[in-house]
Amino acid sequence: MIGVPVPLVAVRVLLLLWTGIVALVYFLSLVGLVVVEPVWFERQGGLTRGTALALTAVAALRLPFQVYVAATLGRGGRRTRLLVRLTVVFGYLCAAVDRVNGVNPVLAVAVPTLLLLLNEIGPSRRWYTGVVRPEVPGRPDASGRTGRSA
């Protein structure tokens, strides 16, 4: 990630740490959901075990996407910036799922907000718009040329 501004390096590190922590939490949640008696769910919030399992499993589907976004962050461009924004949206949606499951979503809201702030500040914005991709033979560049020598 040579030339990548510090805020985007922080975004990558934060994404990887957040993914690891959330993966561990979801794994422990799934184990707990399997072990706990079904009556406990009804007393806690009215959710059935199946509903809680389904909500947790659906929320965990975002984890591979977050790893992909962290891995491709060094490419730059509008697409990468959009992927980070989508990661933030998925984070907020999962915070809502956590709230339905009875979990306090403070951390689940704070981390995506921090990601969004780091992704949208000046150095990051300038880097996203200024990254020049290497020429790929057969693929047109910004001027419309295909990258082949004349």
C-alpha atoms as a PDB file:
ATOM      1  CA  MET A   1       0.000   0.000   0.000  1.00  0.00           C
ATOM      2  CA  ILE A   2       2.701   2.427  -1.021  1.00  0.00           C
ATOM      3  CA  GLY A   3       1.358   5.945  -1.315  1.00  0.00           C
ATOM      4  CA  VAL A   4      -1.873   5.167   0.505  1.00  0.00           C
ATOM      5  CA  PRO A   5      -2.763   7.841   3.054  1.00  0.00           C
ATOM      6  CA  VAL A   6      -2.630   7.008   6.749  1.00  0.00           C
ATOM      7  CA  PRO A   7      -6.426   7.232   7.239  1.00  0.00           C
ATOM      8  CA  LEU A   8      -6.944   4.479   4.662  1.00  0.00           C
ATOM      9  CA  VAL A   9      -4.271   2.309   6.261  1.00  0.00           C
ATOM     10  CA  ALA A  10      -6.221   2.788   9.492  1.00  0.00           C
ATOM     11  CA  VAL A  11      -9.413   1.788   7.649  1.00  0.00           C
ATOM     12  CA  ARG A  12      -7.767  -1.449   6.499  1.00  0.00           C
ATOM     13  CA  VAL A  13      -6.434  -2.307   9.960  1.00  0.00           C
ATOM     14  CA  LEU A  14      -9.732  -1.412  11.614  1.00  0.00           C
ATOM     15  CA  LEU A  15     -11.669  -3.513   9.095  1.00  0.00           C
ATOM     16  CA  LEU A  16      -9.495  -6.558   9.730  1.00  0.00           C
ATOM     17  CA  LEU A  17      -9.630  -6.174  13.517  1.00  0.00           C
ATOM     18  CA  TRP A  18     -13.370  -5.580  13.459  1.00  0.00           C
ATOM     19  CA  THR A  19     -13.917  -8.617  11.242  1.00  0.00           C
ATOM     20  CA  GLY A  20     -11.921 -10.836  13.588  1.00  0.00           C
ATOM     21  CA  ILE A  21     -13.723  -9.617  16.685  1.00  0.00           C
ATOM     22  CA  VAL A  22     -17.163  -9.889  15.086  1.00  0.00           C
ATOM     23  CA  ALA A  23     -16.374 -13.390  13.790  1.00  0.00           C
ATOM     24  CA  LEU A  24     -15.446 -14.480  17.307  1.00  0.00           C
ATOM     25  CA  VAL A  25     -18.565 -12.885  18.795  1.00  0.00           C
ATOM     26  CA  TYR A  26     -20.843 -14.478  16.198  1.00  0.00           C
ATOM     27  CA  PHE A  27     -19.215 -17.872  16.711  1.00  0.00           C
ATOM     28  CA  LEU A  28     -19.721 -17.657  20.467  1.00  0.00           C
ATOM     29  CA  SER A  29     -23.290 -16.434  19.910  1.00  0.00           C
ATOM     30  CA  LEU A  30     -24.073 -19.396  17.690  1.00  0.00           C
ATOM     31  CA  VAL A  31     -22.608 -21.798  20.257  1.00  0.00           C
ATOM     32  CA  GLY A  32     -24.646 -20.107  22.981  1.00  0.00           C
ATOM     33  CA  LEU A  33     -27.811 -20.244  20.896  1.00  0.00           C
ATOM     34  CA  VAL A  34     -27.403 -23.970  20.410  1.00  0.00           C
ATOM     35  CA  VAL A  35     -26.688 -24.679  24.087  1.00  0.00           C
ATOM     36  CA  VAL A  36     -29.323 -22.478  25.754  1.00  0.00           C
ATOM     37  CA  GLU A  37     -32.759 -23.849  26.563  1.00  0.00           C
ATOM     38  CA  PRO A  38     -35.569 -22.701  24.218  1.00  0.00           C
ATOM     39  CA  VAL A  39     -37.612 -21.321  27.131  1.00  0.00           C
ATOM     40  CA  TRP A  40     -34.854 -18.800  27.860  1.00  0.00           C
ATOM     41  CA  PHE A  41     -35.410 -17.097  24.490  1.00  0.00           C
ATOM     42  CA  GLU A  42     -39.093 -16.546  25.138  1.00  0.00           C
ATOM     43  CA  ARG A  43     -38.370 -15.015  28.544  1.00  0.00           C
ATOM     44  CA  GLN A  44     -35.616 -12.735  27.178  1.00  0.00           C
ATOM     45  CA  GLY A  45     -37.260 -11.075  24.210  1.00  0.00           C
ATOM     46  CA  GLY A  46     -39.798 -13.262  22.542  1.00  0.00           C
ATOM     47  CA  LEU A  47     -37.470 -14.491  19.775  1.00  0.00           C
ATOM     48  CA  THR A  48     -37.425 -18.166  19.026  1.00  0.00           C
ATOM     49  CA  ARG A  49     -34.135 -20.018  18.816  1.00  0.00           C
ATOM     50  CA  GLY A  50     -34.540 -20.440  15.065  1.00  0.00           C
ATOM     51  CA  THR A  51     -35.123 -16.723  14.513  1.00  0.00           C
ATOM     52  CA  ALA A  52     -32.100 -15.779  16.603  1.00  0.00           C
ATOM     53  CA  LEU A  53     -29.938 -18.329  14.739  1.00  0.00           C
ATOM     54  CA  ALA A  54     -31.145 -17.065  11.369  1.00  0.00           C
ATOM     55  CA  LEU A  55     -30.516 -13.409  12.259  1.00  0.00           C
ATOM     56  CA  THR A  56     -27.018 -14.169  13.517  1.00  0.00           C
ATOM     57  CA  ALA A  57     -26.165 -16.300  10.474  1.00  0.00           C
ATOM     58  CA  VAL A  58     -27.381 -13.624   8.051  1.00  0.00           C
ATOM     59  CA  ALA A  59     -25.397 -10.939   9.892  1.00  0.00           C
ATOM     60  CA  ALA A  60     -22.271 -13.139   9.718  1.00  0.00           C
ATOM     61  CA  LEU A  61     -22.484 -13.221   5.915  1.00  0.00           C
ATOM     62  CA  ARG A  62     -20.920  -9.760   5.813  1.00  0.00           C
ATOM     63  CA  LEU A  63     -17.592 -10.988   7.182  1.00  0.00           C
ATOM     64  CA  PRO A  64     -16.128 -12.359   3.914  1.00  0.00           C
ATOM     65  CA  PHE A  65     -17.170  -9.116   2.212  1.00  0.00           C
ATOM     66  CA  GLN A  66     -15.288  -7.076   4.832  1.00  0.00           C
ATOM     67  CA  VAL A  67     -12.134  -9.152   4.302  1.00  0.00           C
ATOM     68  CA  TYR A  68     -12.434  -8.591   0.540  1.00  0.00           C
ATOM     69  CA  VAL A  69     -12.812  -4.837   1.004  1.00  0.00           C
ATOM     70  CA  ALA A  70      -9.781  -4.710   3.308  1.00  0.00           C
ATOM     71  CA  ALA A  71      -7.724  -6.740   0.829  1.00  0.00           C
ATOM     72  CA  THR A  72      -8.598  -4.547  -2.166  1.00  0.00           C
ATOM     73  CA  LEU A  73      -8.396  -1.171  -0.417  1.00  0.00           C
ATOM     74  CA  GLY A  74      -5.031  -0.339  -1.990  1.00  0.00           C
ATOM     75  CA  ARG A  75      -6.501  -0.244  -5.498  1.00  0.00           C
ATOM     76  CA  GLY A  76      -8.238   3.057  -5.009  1.00  0.00           C
ATOM     77  CA  GLY A  77     -10.838   4.491  -7.333  1.00  0.00           C
ATOM     78  CA  ARG A  78     -14.557   5.100  -7.021  1.00  0.00           C
ATOM     79  CA  ARG A  79     -15.411   1.400  -6.787  1.00  0.00           C
ATOM     80  CA  THR A  80     -13.210   0.830  -3.740  1.00  0.00           C
ATOM     81  CA  ARG A  81     -14.604   3.913  -2.037  1.00  0.00           C
ATOM     82  CA  LEU A  82     -18.115   2.597  -2.715  1.00  0.00           C
ATOM     83  CA  LEU A  83     -17.195  -0.806  -1.258  1.00  0.00           C
ATOM     84  CA  VAL A  84     -16.053   0.822   1.988  1.00  0.00           C
ATOM     85  CA  ARG A  85     -19.314   2.764   2.097  1.00  0.00           C
ATOM     86  CA  LEU A  86     -21.273  -0.482   1.581  1.00  0.00           C
ATOM     87  CA  THR A  87     -19.315  -2.051   4.421  1.00  0.00           C
ATOM     88  CA  VAL A  88     -20.462   0.809   6.636  1.00  0.00           C
ATOM     89  CA  VAL A  89     -24.091   0.293   5.572  1.00  0.00           C
ATOM     90  CA  PHE A  90     -23.850  -3.438   6.278  1.00  0.00           C
ATOM     91  CA  GLY A  91     -22.341  -2.597   9.663  1.00  0.00           C
ATOM     92  CA  TYR A  92     -25.320  -0.394  10.524  1.00  0.00           C
ATOM     93  CA  LEU A  93     -27.764  -3.078   9.360  1.00  0.00           C
ATOM     94  CA  CYS A  94     -25.999  -5.665  11.510  1.00  0.00           C
ATOM     95  CA  ALA A  95     -26.154  -3.270  14.457  1.00  0.00           C
ATOM     96  CA  ALA A  96     -29.914  -3.224  13.976  1.00  0.00           C
ATOM     97  CA  VAL A  97     -29.936  -7.042  13.931  1.00  0.00           C
ATOM     98  CA  ASP A  98     -27.848  -7.046  17.106  1.00  0.00           C
ATOM     99  CA  ARG A  99     -30.375  -4.724  18.723  1.00  0.00           C
ATOM    100  CA  VAL A 100     -33.211  -7.082  17.782  1.00  0.00           C
ATOM    101  CA  ASN A 101     -31.199  -9.955  19.290  1.00  0.00           C
ATOM    102  CA  GLY A 102     -30.932  -7.987  22.533  1.00  0.00           C
ATOM    103  CA  VAL A 103     -27.289  -6.949  22.205  1.00  0.00           C
ATOM    104  CA  ASN A 104     -26.190  -3.389  22.961  1.00  0.00           C
ATOM    105  CA  PRO A 105     -25.126  -2.024  19.523  1.00  0.00           C
ATOM    106  CA  VAL A 106     -22.888   0.843  20.700  1.00  0.00           C
ATOM    107  CA  LEU A 107     -19.678  -0.703  19.351  1.00  0.00           C
ATOM    108  CA  ALA A 108     -21.493  -1.959  16.253  1.00  0.00           C
ATOM    109  CA  VAL A 109     -22.453   1.648  15.466  1.00  0.00           C
ATOM    110  CA  ALA A 110     -19.197   3.318  16.544  1.00  0.00           C
ATOM    111  CA  VAL A 111     -16.878   1.248  14.325  1.00  0.00           C
ATOM    112  CA  PRO A 112     -18.752   1.826  11.029  1.00  0.00           C
ATOM    113  CA  THR A 113     -19.008   5.524  11.882  1.00  0.00           C
ATOM    114  CA  LEU A 114     -15.243   5.708  12.414  1.00  0.00           C
ATOM    115  CA  LEU A 115     -14.673   3.820   9.141  1.00  0.00           C
ATOM    116  CA  LEU A 116     -16.900   6.278   7.299  1.00  0.00           C
ATOM    117  CA  LEU A 117     -15.144   9.304   8.791  1.00  0.00           C
ATOM    118  CA  LEU A 118     -11.680   7.964   7.912  1.00  0.00           C
ATOM    119  CA  ASN A 119     -12.868   7.037   4.419  1.00  0.00           C
ATOM    120  CA  GLU A 120     -14.350  10.461   3.678  1.00  0.00           C
ATOM    121  CA  ILE A 121     -11.786  12.911   5.069  1.00  0.00           C
ATOM    122  CA  GLY A 122      -9.689  15.036   2.726  1.00  0.00           C
ATOM    123  CA  PRO A 123      -6.551  12.903   2.176  1.00  0.00           C
ATOM    124  CA  SER A 124      -8.634   9.793   1.550  1.00  0.00           C
ATOM    125  CA  ARG A 125     -10.974  11.582  -0.837  1.00  0.00           C
ATOM    126  CA  ARG A 126      -8.065  13.053  -2.802  1.00  0.00           C
ATOM    127  CA  TRP A 127      -6.331   9.674  -2.967  1.00  0.00           C
ATOM    128  CA  TYR A 128      -9.438   7.914  -4.259  1.00  0.00           C
ATOM    129  CA  THR A 129      -9.845  10.424  -7.068  1.00  0.00           C
ATOM    130  CA  GLY A 130      -6.137  10.610  -7.932  1.00  0.00           C
ATOM    131  CA  VAL A 131      -5.104   6.946  -8.110  1.00  0.00           C
ATOM    132  CA  VAL A 132      -3.791   6.004 -11.532  1.00  0.00           C
ATOM    133  CA  ARG A 133      -4.148   2.353 -12.415  1.00  0.00           C
ATOM    134  CA  PRO A 134      -1.359   0.619 -14.347  1.00  0.00           C
ATOM    135  CA  GLU A 135      -2.012  -0.012 -18.013  1.00  0.00           C
ATOM    136  CA  VAL A 136      -3.464  -3.406 -18.786  1.00  0.00           C
ATOM    137  CA  PRO A 137      -3.089  -4.636 -22.376  1.00  0.00           C
ATOM    138  CA  GLY A 138      -6.449  -4.637 -24.109  1.00  0.00           C
ATOM    139  CA  ARG A 139      -8.249  -2.583 -21.443  1.00  0.00           C
ATOM    140  CA  PRO A 140      -8.995   1.059 -22.265  1.00  0.00           C
ATOM    141  CA  ASP A 141      -7.554   3.686 -19.952  1.00  0.00           C
ATOM    142  CA  ALA A 142      -9.093   7.066 -19.095  1.00  0.00           C
ATOM    143  CA  SER A 143      -8.216   8.503 -22.519  1.00  0.00           C
ATOM    144  CA  GLY A 144      -9.886   5.620 -24.366  1.00  0.00           C
ATOM    145  CA  ARG A 145      -6.671   4.010 -25.592  1.00  0.00           C
ATOM    146  CA  THR A 146      -6.329   0.274 -25.125  1.00  0.00           C
ATOM    147  CA  GLY A 147      -2.820   0.315 -23.662  1.00  0.00           C
ATOM    148  CA  ARG A 148      -1.165  -1.289 -26.689  1.00  0.00           C
ATOM    149  CA  SER A 149       1.955   0.182 -28.231  1.00  0.00           C
ATOM    150  CA  ALA A 150       1.492   1.743 -31.643  1.00  0.00           C
END
